[in-house]
Amino acid sequence: MARPTRTWRNAARRLGTSMPRRLGAVAPYRLSGPLTRRFGVDRNPLRRPIDRVEAWLAPIGIVVFLILCPVLFLVLGMLVRADNAAVARAERSWQPVTARLLQSTPGPQFSDHGSNTWTEWTRASWTFDGRHYTGQVPAPASSSAGSSETIWLNHGGHVQLPPMSTAQVNDWVTGETLLAVGALALAMFVAVWLTRRLLERRRIASWELDWLMVEPRWSRQG
């Protein structure tokens, strides 16, 4: 009686196929799939180093963007708070003066624990060192003409904008961070796009060079 293994081998020969030397042999696993092809790690002999560089451009750009976002938030927060602290220190030498508004201030009201935090510039008149002045002063939004507001003047008599409250600083930092993140995202997109265009040109130039080397051989064979 023939052994099963010999029978399977004879059948494989008739079918034109091959059979492992021993039963249970498993072909070695090769890393393959959409992700490996996407990132250029599929051991494709036709894939050039420039192709692998292009495959990693978008992932690297996303990683850099995610790293820089919190850095931007921290740096902008430190700058805004430092500037506001400098204004608060300078405010100690300012002089408060009562000004009468000549025009009402437009704009909505934003409440911060009962006080209006939205400031608009409007015309007003005030007296400082015995002189009468008229100019632009900061006043809460929706203030009516003829109302009185306290303004702050430095040693030269110039109107100063008071330092922001904690809520205003937080809102300012949030707004500036969103703008910075948007600008960073646009910059990263443009950088990746320009790099891909440059790599595409180099790839085409490489193909043309290879064709110049191969085409004469094909012509002679023809």
N, C-alpha and C. Protein backbone atom coordinates (compact mmCIF):
# COMPACT_ATOMS: atom_id res chain seq x y z
N MET A 1 0.86 -1.20 0.00
CA MET A 1 0.00 0.00 0.00
C MET A 1 0.88 1.24 0.00
N ALA A 2 0.62 2.17 -0.94
CA ALA A 2 1.45 3.38 -1.02
C ALA A 2 1.17 4.30 0.15
N ARG A 3 2.21 4.96 0.55
CA ARG A 3 2.04 5.90 1.64
C ARG A 3 1.23 7.11 1.18
N PRO A 4 0.48 7.73 2.10
CA PRO A 4 -0.31 8.91 1.70
C PRO A 4 0.54 10.03 1.17
N THR A 5 1.73 10.20 1.79
CA THR A 5 2.58 11.31 1.34
C THR A 5 3.01 11.12 -0.10
N ARG A 6 3.41 9.85 -0.46
CA ARG A 6 3.83 9.58 -1.83
C ARG A 6 2.67 9.78 -2.80
N THR A 7 1.48 9.38 -2.41
CA THR A 7 0.30 9.56 -3.28
C THR A 7 0.04 11.04 -3.54
N TRP A 8 0.14 11.87 -2.48
CA TRP A 8 -0.09 13.32 -2.64
C TRP A 8 0.97 13.94 -3.53
N ARG A 9 2.22 13.44 -3.41
CA ARG A 9 3.28 13.98 -4.25
C ARG A 9 3.05 13.64 -5.71
N ASN A 10 2.65 12.38 -5.98
CA ASN A 10 2.35 11.99 -7.36
C ASN A 10 1.21 12.82 -7.94
N ALA A 11 0.19 13.08 -7.12
CA ALA A 11 -0.93 13.90 -7.59
C ALA A 11 -0.49 15.33 -7.85
N ALA A 12 0.42 15.82 -7.01
CA ALA A 12 0.91 17.19 -7.20
C ALA A 12 1.71 17.31 -8.48
N ARG A 13 2.51 16.24 -8.80
CA ARG A 13 3.28 16.27 -10.04
C ARG A 13 2.34 16.30 -11.25
N ARG A 14 1.28 15.50 -11.22
CA ARG A 14 0.35 15.47 -12.36
C ARG A 14 -0.35 16.81 -12.54
N LEU A 15 -0.60 17.51 -11.42
CA LEU A 15 -1.28 18.82 -11.50
C LEU A 15 -0.32 19.95 -11.79
N GLY A 16 0.98 19.65 -11.78
CA GLY A 16 1.95 20.70 -12.07
C GLY A 16 2.22 21.61 -10.91
N THR A 17 1.96 21.15 -9.71
CA THR A 17 2.21 21.96 -8.53
C THR A 17 3.28 21.30 -7.70
N SER A 18 3.70 22.00 -6.67
CA SER A 18 4.72 21.47 -5.77
C SER A 18 4.11 21.27 -4.40
N MET A 19 4.81 20.46 -3.60
CA MET A 19 4.30 20.13 -2.26
C MET A 19 5.42 20.29 -1.26
N PRO A 20 5.15 20.79 -0.07
CA PRO A 20 6.19 20.90 0.93
C PRO A 20 6.81 19.55 1.21
N ARG A 21 8.08 19.59 1.64
CA ARG A 21 8.80 18.36 1.92
C ARG A 21 8.19 17.59 3.08
N ARG A 22 7.62 18.28 4.01
CA ARG A 22 7.02 17.59 5.14
C ARG A 22 5.64 18.16 5.40
N LEU A 23 4.80 17.35 5.97
CA LEU A 23 3.44 17.80 6.26
C LEU A 23 3.47 18.88 7.33
N GLY A 24 2.54 19.80 7.22
CA GLY A 24 2.44 20.86 8.23
C GLY A 24 3.38 22.01 7.98
N ALA A 25 4.15 21.95 6.89
CA ALA A 25 5.06 23.06 6.60
C ALA A 25 4.23 24.29 6.24
N VAL A 26 4.62 25.42 6.76
CA VAL A 26 3.89 26.67 6.56
C VAL A 26 4.82 27.65 5.87
N ALA A 27 4.31 28.30 4.86
CA ALA A 27 5.11 29.29 4.14
C ALA A 27 5.42 30.45 5.08
N PRO A 28 6.61 31.02 4.97
CA PRO A 28 6.97 32.13 5.86
C PRO A 28 6.04 33.31 5.66
N TYR A 29 5.70 33.97 6.78
CA TYR A 29 4.77 35.10 6.74
C TYR A 29 5.51 36.34 6.26
N ARG A 30 4.91 37.03 5.34
CA ARG A 30 5.49 38.26 4.83
C ARG A 30 4.59 39.42 5.20
N LEU A 31 5.23 40.46 5.67
CA LEU A 31 4.48 41.65 6.06
C LEU A 31 3.94 42.34 4.83
N SER A 32 2.65 42.39 4.71
CA SER A 32 2.04 43.00 3.54
C SER A 32 0.70 43.59 3.94
N GLY A 33 0.18 44.41 3.07
CA GLY A 33 -1.11 45.02 3.34
C GLY A 33 -1.10 46.48 2.92
N PRO A 34 -2.28 47.13 3.01
CA PRO A 34 -2.36 48.53 2.59
C PRO A 34 -1.45 49.45 3.39
N LEU A 35 -1.33 49.23 4.70
CA LEU A 35 -0.52 50.12 5.51
C LEU A 35 0.96 50.01 5.16
N THR A 36 1.44 48.78 4.98
CA THR A 36 2.85 48.61 4.64
C THR A 36 3.17 49.21 3.28
N ARG A 37 2.24 49.08 2.32
CA ARG A 37 2.46 49.71 1.02
C ARG A 37 2.37 51.22 1.12
N ARG A 38 1.47 51.69 1.99
CA ARG A 38 1.31 53.14 2.14
C ARG A 38 2.56 53.80 2.71
N PHE A 39 3.22 53.13 3.66
CA PHE A 39 4.40 53.70 4.31
C PHE A 39 5.71 53.20 3.70
N GLY A 40 5.61 52.44 2.61
CA GLY A 40 6.81 52.05 1.90
C GLY A 40 7.68 51.03 2.59
N VAL A 41 7.10 50.15 3.41
CA VAL A 41 7.88 49.14 4.12
C VAL A 41 7.48 47.74 3.68
N ASP A 42 7.03 47.61 2.43
CA ASP A 42 6.58 46.31 1.94
C ASP A 42 7.66 45.56 1.17
N ARG A 43 8.92 46.05 1.22
CA ARG A 43 10.06 45.40 0.55
C ARG A 43 9.84 45.27 -0.96
N ASN A 44 9.19 46.24 -1.51
CA ASN A 44 8.98 46.25 -2.95
C ASN A 44 10.29 46.64 -3.64
N PRO A 45 10.86 45.78 -4.48
CA PRO A 45 12.15 46.11 -5.11
C PRO A 45 12.07 47.31 -6.05
N LEU A 46 10.88 47.63 -6.53
CA LEU A 46 10.72 48.77 -7.43
C LEU A 46 10.57 50.10 -6.68
N ARG A 47 10.40 50.01 -5.37
CA ARG A 47 10.20 51.23 -4.59
C ARG A 47 11.55 51.88 -4.29
N ARG A 48 11.65 53.15 -4.60
CA ARG A 48 12.91 53.86 -4.41
C ARG A 48 12.89 54.62 -3.07
N PRO A 49 14.08 55.03 -2.61
CA PRO A 49 14.11 55.81 -1.35
C PRO A 49 13.25 57.06 -1.39
N ILE A 50 13.16 57.69 -2.57
CA ILE A 50 12.35 58.89 -2.68
C ILE A 50 10.88 58.59 -2.46
N ASP A 51 10.45 57.37 -2.84
CA ASP A 51 9.06 56.97 -2.61
C ASP A 51 8.79 56.78 -1.12
N ARG A 52 9.76 56.23 -0.41
CA ARG A 52 9.59 56.04 1.04
C ARG A 52 9.55 57.38 1.76
N VAL A 53 10.37 58.31 1.32
CA VAL A 53 10.35 59.65 1.92
C VAL A 53 8.99 60.31 1.72
N GLU A 54 8.44 60.20 0.52
CA GLU A 54 7.13 60.79 0.24
C GLU A 54 6.03 60.12 1.05
N ALA A 55 6.15 58.80 1.26
CA ALA A 55 5.14 58.08 2.02
C ALA A 55 5.08 58.53 3.47
N TRP A 56 6.21 58.98 4.02
CA TRP A 56 6.25 59.37 5.44
C TRP A 56 6.03 60.87 5.64
N LEU A 57 5.83 61.63 4.57
CA LEU A 57 5.67 63.08 4.72
C LEU A 57 4.43 63.43 5.55
N ALA A 58 3.28 62.89 5.17
CA ALA A 58 2.03 63.22 5.88
C ALA A 58 2.06 62.77 7.33
N PRO A 59 2.47 61.53 7.66
CA PRO A 59 2.52 61.15 9.09
C PRO A 59 3.45 62.03 9.91
N ILE A 60 4.62 62.36 9.35
CA ILE A 60 5.54 63.22 10.09
C ILE A 60 4.95 64.61 10.28
N GLY A 61 4.27 65.13 9.26
CA GLY A 61 3.63 66.43 9.39
C GLY A 61 2.56 66.44 10.47
N ILE A 62 1.78 65.37 10.56
CA ILE A 62 0.74 65.30 11.59
C ILE A 62 1.36 65.23 12.98
N VAL A 63 2.42 64.46 13.13
CA VAL A 63 3.09 64.34 14.44
C VAL A 63 3.67 65.69 14.86
N VAL A 64 4.33 66.38 13.94
CA VAL A 64 4.89 67.70 14.26
C VAL A 64 3.80 68.69 14.64
N PHE A 65 2.68 68.64 13.91
CA PHE A 65 1.55 69.53 14.22
C PHE A 65 1.01 69.27 15.62
N LEU A 66 0.83 67.99 15.98
CA LEU A 66 0.30 67.66 17.30
C LEU A 66 1.28 68.03 18.42
N ILE A 67 2.58 67.99 18.14
CA ILE A 67 3.56 68.38 19.15
C ILE A 67 3.59 69.89 19.34
N LEU A 68 3.47 70.64 18.25
CA LEU A 68 3.59 72.10 18.33
C LEU A 68 2.33 72.77 18.86
N CYS A 69 1.17 72.13 18.78
CA CYS A 69 -0.07 72.75 19.26
C CYS A 69 0.00 73.10 20.74
N PRO A 70 0.31 72.17 21.64
CA PRO A 70 0.41 72.56 23.06
C PRO A 70 1.55 73.53 23.33
N VAL A 71 2.63 73.44 22.54
CA VAL A 71 3.73 74.39 22.72
C VAL A 71 3.27 75.81 22.40
N LEU A 72 2.51 75.95 21.32
CA LEU A 72 1.97 77.26 20.98
C LEU A 72 1.06 77.80 22.08
N PHE A 73 0.22 76.93 22.63
CA PHE A 73 -0.70 77.36 23.68
C PHE A 73 0.08 77.87 24.90
N LEU A 74 1.11 77.15 25.29
CA LEU A 74 1.89 77.56 26.46
C LEU A 74 2.66 78.86 26.21
N VAL A 75 3.28 78.97 25.04
CA VAL A 75 4.07 80.16 24.74
C VAL A 75 3.19 81.40 24.64
N LEU A 76 2.07 81.29 23.93
CA LEU A 76 1.17 82.44 23.81
C LEU A 76 0.59 82.83 25.15
N GLY A 77 0.24 81.85 25.97
CA GLY A 77 -0.27 82.15 27.30
C GLY A 77 0.74 82.89 28.15
N MET A 78 2.00 82.46 28.10
CA MET A 78 3.05 83.13 28.87
C MET A 78 3.27 84.55 28.38
N LEU A 79 3.26 84.76 27.05
CA LEU A 79 3.48 86.10 26.51
C LEU A 79 2.36 87.06 26.89
N VAL A 80 1.12 86.61 26.74
CA VAL A 80 -0.01 87.48 27.05
C VAL A 80 -0.05 87.81 28.53
N ARG A 81 0.17 86.81 29.38
CA ARG A 81 0.13 87.07 30.82
C ARG A 81 1.29 87.96 31.26
N ALA A 82 2.45 87.79 30.65
CA ALA A 82 3.59 88.65 30.99
C ALA A 82 3.33 90.09 30.58
N ASP A 83 2.74 90.29 29.40
CA ASP A 83 2.42 91.65 28.96
C ASP A 83 1.36 92.28 29.85
N ASN A 84 0.37 91.49 30.25
CA ASN A 84 -0.67 92.03 31.13
C ASN A 84 -0.10 92.36 32.51
N ALA A 85 0.84 91.56 32.99
CA ALA A 85 1.46 91.86 34.29
C ALA A 85 2.29 93.13 34.21
N ALA A 86 2.96 93.37 33.07
CA ALA A 86 3.73 94.60 32.91
C ALA A 86 2.81 95.82 32.92
N VAL A 87 1.66 95.69 32.28
CA VAL A 87 0.68 96.80 32.30
C VAL A 87 0.17 97.03 33.71
N ALA A 88 -0.06 95.95 34.45
CA ALA A 88 -0.55 96.10 35.82
C ALA A 88 0.48 96.80 36.70
N ARG A 89 1.77 96.52 36.49
CA ARG A 89 2.81 97.21 37.27
C ARG A 89 2.89 98.69 36.91
N ALA A 90 2.75 98.98 35.60
CA ALA A 90 2.79 100.38 35.18
C ALA A 90 1.57 101.15 35.66
N GLU A 91 0.46 100.46 35.88
CA GLU A 91 -0.78 101.11 36.29
C GLU A 91 -0.64 101.78 37.67
N ARG A 92 0.31 101.35 38.47
CA ARG A 92 0.48 101.93 39.80
C ARG A 92 0.84 103.41 39.75
N SER A 93 1.44 103.84 38.63
CA SER A 93 1.81 105.25 38.50
C SER A 93 0.78 106.05 37.72
N TRP A 94 -0.29 105.40 37.26
CA TRP A 94 -1.30 106.12 36.51
C TRP A 94 -2.22 106.90 37.45
N GLN A 95 -2.88 107.89 36.88
CA GLN A 95 -3.81 108.71 37.64
C GLN A 95 -5.23 108.52 37.12
N PRO A 96 -6.18 108.24 38.02
CA PRO A 96 -7.57 108.10 37.57
C PRO A 96 -8.22 109.47 37.35
N VAL A 97 -8.95 109.59 36.26
CA VAL A 97 -9.65 110.83 35.92
C VAL A 97 -11.04 110.47 35.45
N THR A 98 -12.02 111.28 35.82
CA THR A 98 -13.40 111.05 35.39
C THR A 98 -13.64 111.74 34.06
N ALA A 99 -14.08 110.99 33.09
CA ALA A 99 -14.37 111.52 31.75
C ALA A 99 -15.85 111.40 31.47
N ARG A 100 -16.37 112.38 30.69
CA ARG A 100 -17.78 112.36 30.29
C ARG A 100 -17.85 111.97 28.82
N LEU A 101 -18.62 110.91 28.55
CA LEU A 101 -18.72 110.40 27.19
C LEU A 101 -19.51 111.36 26.31
N LEU A 102 -18.98 111.64 25.13
CA LEU A 102 -19.66 112.49 24.16
C LEU A 102 -20.47 111.67 23.16
N GLN A 103 -20.17 110.40 23.06
CA GLN A 103 -20.88 109.49 22.17
C GLN A 103 -21.16 108.19 22.90
N SER A 104 -22.26 107.57 22.53
CA SER A 104 -22.57 106.25 23.10
C SER A 104 -21.70 105.19 22.42
N THR A 105 -21.42 104.12 23.14
CA THR A 105 -20.56 103.06 22.62
C THR A 105 -21.40 101.91 22.10
N PRO A 106 -21.15 101.47 20.87
CA PRO A 106 -21.90 100.32 20.34
C PRO A 106 -21.29 99.02 20.86
N GLY A 107 -21.89 97.92 20.45
CA GLY A 107 -21.33 96.61 20.79
C GLY A 107 -22.15 95.87 21.81
N PRO A 108 -22.01 94.55 21.86
CA PRO A 108 -22.77 93.73 22.82
C PRO A 108 -22.15 93.80 24.21
N GLN A 109 -22.86 93.28 25.16
CA GLN A 109 -22.39 93.21 26.54
C GLN A 109 -22.00 91.77 26.87
N PHE A 110 -20.80 91.61 27.40
CA PHE A 110 -20.33 90.31 27.86
C PHE A 110 -20.12 90.40 29.37
N SER A 111 -20.87 89.59 30.09
CA SER A 111 -20.85 89.67 31.54
C SER A 111 -19.77 88.80 32.14
N ASP A 112 -19.02 89.36 33.08
CA ASP A 112 -18.02 88.63 33.85
C ASP A 112 -18.31 88.90 35.32
N HIS A 113 -19.11 88.00 35.92
CA HIS A 113 -19.54 88.15 37.32
C HIS A 113 -20.25 89.48 37.52
N GLY A 114 -21.12 89.83 36.58
CA GLY A 114 -21.94 91.02 36.73
C GLY A 114 -21.40 92.27 36.10
N SER A 115 -20.15 92.29 35.66
CA SER A 115 -19.57 93.48 35.05
C SER A 115 -19.38 93.25 33.56
N ASN A 116 -19.50 94.34 32.78
CA ASN A 116 -19.35 94.27 31.34
C ASN A 116 -17.87 94.22 30.99
N THR A 117 -17.47 93.22 30.22
CA THR A 117 -16.06 93.06 29.88
C THR A 117 -15.75 93.45 28.45
N TRP A 118 -16.76 93.86 27.66
CA TRP A 118 -16.53 94.26 26.27
C TRP A 118 -16.27 95.76 26.23
N THR A 119 -15.09 96.16 25.73
CA THR A 119 -14.67 97.57 25.76
C THR A 119 -14.64 98.12 24.35
N GLU A 120 -15.14 99.35 24.19
CA GLU A 120 -15.11 100.07 22.93
C GLU A 120 -14.47 101.44 23.16
N TRP A 121 -13.86 101.98 22.10
CA TRP A 121 -13.29 103.33 22.16
C TRP A 121 -14.31 104.34 21.65
N THR A 122 -14.48 105.43 22.38
CA THR A 122 -15.45 106.45 22.02
C THR A 122 -14.92 107.82 22.42
N ARG A 123 -15.51 108.88 21.89
CA ARG A 123 -15.07 110.25 22.21
C ARG A 123 -15.59 110.65 23.59
N ALA A 124 -14.74 111.36 24.31
CA ALA A 124 -15.08 111.83 25.65
C ALA A 124 -14.26 113.07 25.96
N SER A 125 -14.65 113.77 27.00
CA SER A 125 -13.93 114.97 27.45
C SER A 125 -13.57 114.80 28.91
N TRP A 126 -12.42 115.34 29.31
CA TRP A 126 -11.96 115.26 30.70
C TRP A 126 -11.01 116.42 30.99
N THR A 127 -10.72 116.60 32.24
CA THR A 127 -9.83 117.67 32.70
C THR A 127 -8.65 117.05 33.43
N PHE A 128 -7.43 117.52 33.06
CA PHE A 128 -6.22 116.98 33.67
C PHE A 128 -5.22 118.13 33.84
N ASP A 129 -4.77 118.31 35.08
CA ASP A 129 -3.82 119.38 35.41
C ASP A 129 -4.35 120.75 34.97
N GLY A 130 -5.64 120.97 35.17
CA GLY A 130 -6.24 122.26 34.86
C GLY A 130 -6.53 122.50 33.40
N ARG A 131 -6.28 121.49 32.55
CA ARG A 131 -6.55 121.64 31.13
C ARG A 131 -7.69 120.72 30.70
N HIS A 132 -8.45 121.22 29.73
CA HIS A 132 -9.58 120.45 29.22
C HIS A 132 -9.13 119.70 27.96
N TYR A 133 -9.45 118.38 27.93
CA TYR A 133 -9.05 117.53 26.82
C TYR A 133 -10.28 116.84 26.22
N THR A 134 -10.16 116.54 24.94
CA THR A 134 -11.19 115.76 24.23
C THR A 134 -10.48 114.72 23.36
N GLY A 135 -10.92 113.48 23.45
CA GLY A 135 -10.26 112.44 22.67
C GLY A 135 -10.96 111.10 22.84
N GLN A 136 -10.31 110.06 22.37
CA GLN A 136 -10.84 108.71 22.43
C GLN A 136 -10.45 108.06 23.77
N VAL A 137 -11.44 107.44 24.40
CA VAL A 137 -11.22 106.76 25.68
C VAL A 137 -11.90 105.39 25.63
N PRO A 138 -11.40 104.42 26.37
CA PRO A 138 -12.06 103.12 26.45
C PRO A 138 -13.25 103.19 27.41
N ALA A 139 -14.35 102.56 26.98
CA ALA A 139 -15.55 102.55 27.81
C ALA A 139 -16.28 101.23 27.59
N PRO A 140 -17.05 100.78 28.59
CA PRO A 140 -17.81 99.53 28.41
C PRO A 140 -18.81 99.65 27.27
N ALA A 141 -19.03 98.56 26.57
CA ALA A 141 -19.97 98.55 25.46
C ALA A 141 -21.37 98.91 25.94
N SER A 142 -22.14 99.55 25.05
CA SER A 142 -23.52 99.97 25.31
C SER A 142 -23.61 101.09 26.34
N SER A 143 -22.50 101.81 26.56
CA SER A 143 -22.57 102.98 27.44
C SER A 143 -23.23 104.14 26.69
N SER A 144 -24.02 104.91 27.38
CA SER A 144 -24.77 106.00 26.75
C SER A 144 -23.99 107.30 26.81
N ALA A 145 -24.26 108.17 25.84
CA ALA A 145 -23.60 109.48 25.81
C ALA A 145 -24.01 110.29 27.04
N GLY A 146 -23.07 111.04 27.62
CA GLY A 146 -23.33 111.84 28.81
C GLY A 146 -23.00 111.12 30.11
N SER A 147 -22.78 109.81 30.04
CA SER A 147 -22.43 109.07 31.25
C SER A 147 -20.96 109.30 31.60
N SER A 148 -20.60 109.05 32.84
CA SER A 148 -19.24 109.26 33.32
C SER A 148 -18.51 107.93 33.45
N GLU A 149 -17.26 107.93 33.04
CA GLU A 149 -16.41 106.75 33.13
C GLU A 149 -15.04 107.14 33.67
N THR A 150 -14.45 106.27 34.44
CA THR A 150 -13.12 106.50 34.97
C THR A 150 -12.09 106.03 33.96
N ILE A 151 -11.18 106.94 33.59
CA ILE A 151 -10.10 106.61 32.67
C ILE A 151 -8.78 106.76 33.41
N TRP A 152 -7.73 106.19 32.84
CA TRP A 152 -6.42 106.21 33.46
C TRP A 152 -5.43 106.92 32.54
N LEU A 153 -4.67 107.86 33.15
CA LEU A 153 -3.69 108.64 32.40
C LEU A 153 -2.30 108.40 32.97
N ASN A 154 -1.30 108.35 32.08
CA ASN A 154 0.08 108.22 32.55
C ASN A 154 0.65 109.60 32.87
N HIS A 155 1.96 109.67 33.11
CA HIS A 155 2.57 110.95 33.49
C HIS A 155 2.45 111.99 32.39
N GLY A 156 2.41 111.54 31.14
CA GLY A 156 2.29 112.48 30.03
C GLY A 156 0.87 112.89 29.72
N GLY A 157 -0.10 112.35 30.45
CA GLY A 157 -1.49 112.69 30.21
C GLY A 157 -2.15 111.87 29.12
N HIS A 158 -1.50 110.80 28.67
CA HIS A 158 -2.08 109.97 27.61
C HIS A 158 -2.99 108.90 28.21
N VAL A 159 -4.10 108.66 27.51
CA VAL A 159 -5.07 107.67 27.97
C VAL A 159 -4.48 106.27 27.82
N GLN A 160 -4.64 105.47 28.83
CA GLN A 160 -4.11 104.11 28.84
C GLN A 160 -5.26 103.10 28.96
N LEU A 161 -5.08 101.98 28.28
CA LEU A 161 -6.06 100.90 28.39
C LEU A 161 -5.75 100.08 29.63
N PRO A 162 -6.69 99.92 30.53
CA PRO A 162 -6.42 99.18 31.77
C PRO A 162 -6.10 97.72 31.47
N PRO A 163 -5.39 97.05 32.38
CA PRO A 163 -5.05 95.63 32.15
C PRO A 163 -6.30 94.77 32.11
N MET A 164 -6.19 93.65 31.40
CA MET A 164 -7.33 92.76 31.25
C MET A 164 -7.55 91.95 32.51
N SER A 165 -8.80 91.57 32.71
CA SER A 165 -9.14 90.69 33.82
C SER A 165 -8.70 89.26 33.49
N THR A 166 -8.84 88.38 34.48
CA THR A 166 -8.45 86.98 34.27
C THR A 166 -9.27 86.34 33.15
N ALA A 167 -10.58 86.64 33.14
CA ALA A 167 -11.44 86.08 32.09
C ALA A 167 -11.05 86.61 30.72
N GLN A 168 -10.72 87.90 30.64
CA GLN A 168 -10.31 88.48 29.37
C GLN A 168 -8.99 87.89 28.88
N VAL A 169 -8.07 87.67 29.81
CA VAL A 169 -6.78 87.07 29.43
C VAL A 169 -7.00 85.67 28.88
N ASN A 170 -7.83 84.88 29.55
CA ASN A 170 -8.11 83.52 29.08
C ASN A 170 -8.77 83.53 27.70
N ASP A 171 -9.73 84.45 27.51
CA ASP A 171 -10.37 84.54 26.19
C ASP A 171 -9.37 84.97 25.12
N TRP A 172 -8.49 85.90 25.47
CA TRP A 172 -7.49 86.38 24.51
C TRP A 172 -6.52 85.25 24.14
N VAL A 173 -6.08 84.50 25.13
CA VAL A 173 -5.16 83.40 24.87
C VAL A 173 -5.83 82.34 23.99
N THR A 174 -7.10 82.05 24.27
CA THR A 174 -7.82 81.05 23.47
C THR A 174 -7.96 81.50 22.02
N GLY A 175 -8.34 82.76 21.83
CA GLY A 175 -8.48 83.27 20.47
C GLY A 175 -7.17 83.29 19.71
N GLU A 176 -6.10 83.76 20.36
CA GLU A 176 -4.80 83.80 19.70
C GLU A 176 -4.29 82.39 19.41
N THR A 177 -4.57 81.45 20.30
CA THR A 177 -4.12 80.08 20.07
C THR A 177 -4.84 79.47 18.88
N LEU A 178 -6.13 79.71 18.76
CA LEU A 178 -6.87 79.18 17.61
C LEU A 178 -6.33 79.75 16.29
N LEU A 179 -6.02 81.04 16.29
CA LEU A 179 -5.45 81.63 15.09
C LEU A 179 -4.08 81.04 14.78
N ALA A 180 -3.26 80.86 15.82
CA ALA A 180 -1.93 80.29 15.62
C ALA A 180 -2.00 78.84 15.14
N VAL A 181 -2.94 78.08 15.70
CA VAL A 181 -3.09 76.68 15.27
C VAL A 181 -3.54 76.61 13.82
N GLY A 182 -4.47 77.48 13.44
CA GLY A 182 -4.89 77.52 12.04
C GLY A 182 -3.74 77.89 11.11
N ALA A 183 -2.94 78.89 11.51
CA ALA A 183 -1.79 79.27 10.69
C ALA A 183 -0.77 78.13 10.61
N LEU A 184 -0.56 77.43 11.73
CA LEU A 184 0.37 76.30 11.73
C LEU A 184 -0.12 75.18 10.82
N ALA A 185 -1.41 74.87 10.88
CA ALA A 185 -1.96 73.83 10.02
C ALA A 185 -1.79 74.20 8.55
N LEU A 186 -2.06 75.45 8.21
CA LEU A 186 -1.89 75.88 6.83
C LEU A 186 -0.42 75.80 6.40
N ALA A 187 0.49 76.21 7.30
CA ALA A 187 1.91 76.15 6.97
C ALA A 187 2.38 74.71 6.77
N MET A 188 1.92 73.79 7.62
CA MET A 188 2.32 72.39 7.48
C MET A 188 1.78 71.81 6.17
N PHE A 189 0.53 72.17 5.83
CA PHE A 189 -0.05 71.67 4.58
C PHE A 189 0.74 72.16 3.37
N VAL A 190 1.08 73.45 3.37
CA VAL A 190 1.84 74.01 2.25
C VAL A 190 3.22 73.37 2.17
N ALA A 191 3.86 73.16 3.34
CA ALA A 191 5.20 72.55 3.34
C ALA A 191 5.16 71.13 2.79
N VAL A 192 4.17 70.34 3.20
CA VAL A 192 4.06 68.97 2.70
C VAL A 192 3.76 68.97 1.21
N TRP A 193 2.89 69.86 0.77
CA TRP A 193 2.54 69.92 -0.65
C TRP A 193 3.74 70.31 -1.51
N LEU A 194 4.50 71.32 -1.06
CA LEU A 194 5.67 71.73 -1.82
C LEU A 194 6.74 70.63 -1.84
N THR A 195 6.90 69.94 -0.72
CA THR A 195 7.88 68.86 -0.68
C THR A 195 7.49 67.73 -1.64
N ARG A 196 6.21 67.41 -1.67
CA ARG A 196 5.76 66.37 -2.60
C ARG A 196 5.97 66.79 -4.06
N ARG A 197 5.73 68.05 -4.36
CA ARG A 197 5.97 68.51 -5.72
C ARG A 197 7.44 68.39 -6.08
N LEU A 198 8.32 68.73 -5.14
CA LEU A 198 9.75 68.62 -5.39
C LEU A 198 10.17 67.16 -5.58
N LEU A 199 9.64 66.28 -4.74
CA LEU A 199 9.96 64.86 -4.88
C LEU A 199 9.42 64.30 -6.19
N GLU A 200 8.26 64.77 -6.62
CA GLU A 200 7.69 64.30 -7.88
C GLU A 200 8.58 64.71 -9.06
N ARG A 201 9.11 65.91 -9.02
CA ARG A 201 10.01 66.34 -10.09
C ARG A 201 11.29 65.51 -10.11
N ARG A 202 11.81 65.22 -8.92
CA ARG A 202 13.02 64.40 -8.87
C ARG A 202 12.74 62.98 -9.34
N ARG A 203 11.54 62.46 -9.04
CA ARG A 203 11.19 61.12 -9.48
C ARG A 203 11.11 61.06 -11.03
N ILE A 204 10.47 62.07 -11.62
CA ILE A 204 10.36 62.10 -13.08
C ILE A 204 11.74 62.23 -13.72
N ALA A 205 12.60 63.06 -13.13
CA ALA A 205 13.96 63.21 -13.67
C ALA A 205 14.73 61.89 -13.58
N SER A 206 14.53 61.16 -12.48
CA SER A 206 15.19 59.86 -12.34
C SER A 206 14.68 58.86 -13.36
N TRP A 207 13.36 58.86 -13.61
CA TRP A 207 12.81 57.96 -14.63
C TRP A 207 13.37 58.28 -16.00
N GLU A 208 13.47 59.57 -16.32
CA GLU A 208 14.00 59.95 -17.62
C GLU A 208 15.47 59.53 -17.76
N LEU A 209 16.24 59.65 -16.69
CA LEU A 209 17.63 59.21 -16.74
C LEU A 209 17.73 57.71 -16.94
N ASP A 210 16.90 56.95 -16.25
CA ASP A 210 16.91 55.50 -16.42
C ASP A 210 16.51 55.12 -17.84
N TRP A 211 15.55 55.84 -18.40
CA TRP A 211 15.11 55.52 -19.76
C TRP A 211 16.21 55.81 -20.77
N LEU A 212 16.98 56.87 -20.55
CA LEU A 212 18.09 57.17 -21.45
C LEU A 212 19.15 56.08 -21.42
N MET A 213 19.28 55.39 -20.27
CA MET A 213 20.24 54.32 -20.17
C MET A 213 19.72 53.01 -20.77
N VAL A 214 18.42 52.78 -20.70
CA VAL A 214 17.84 51.51 -21.16
C VAL A 214 17.43 51.56 -22.61
N GLU A 215 16.98 52.70 -23.09
CA GLU A 215 16.42 52.79 -24.45
C GLU A 215 17.40 52.36 -25.53
N PRO A 216 18.71 52.73 -25.47
CA PRO A 216 19.61 52.24 -26.53
C PRO A 216 19.72 50.73 -26.57
N ARG A 217 19.68 50.06 -25.42
CA ARG A 217 19.76 48.60 -25.42
C ARG A 217 18.53 47.99 -26.10
N TRP A 218 17.37 48.52 -25.82
CA TRP A 218 16.15 48.01 -26.44
C TRP A 218 16.18 48.27 -27.95
N SER A 219 16.73 49.44 -28.33
CA SER A 219 16.77 49.76 -29.77
C SER A 219 17.67 48.79 -30.52
N ARG A 220 18.82 48.42 -29.93
CA ARG A 220 19.71 47.48 -30.58
C ARG A 220 19.08 46.09 -30.70
N GLN A 221 18.32 45.70 -29.64
CA GLN A 221 17.66 44.40 -29.68
C GLN A 221 16.56 44.37 -30.74
N GLY A 222 15.91 45.51 -30.93
CA GLY A 222 14.86 45.54 -31.94
C GLY A 222 15.45 45.47 -33.34
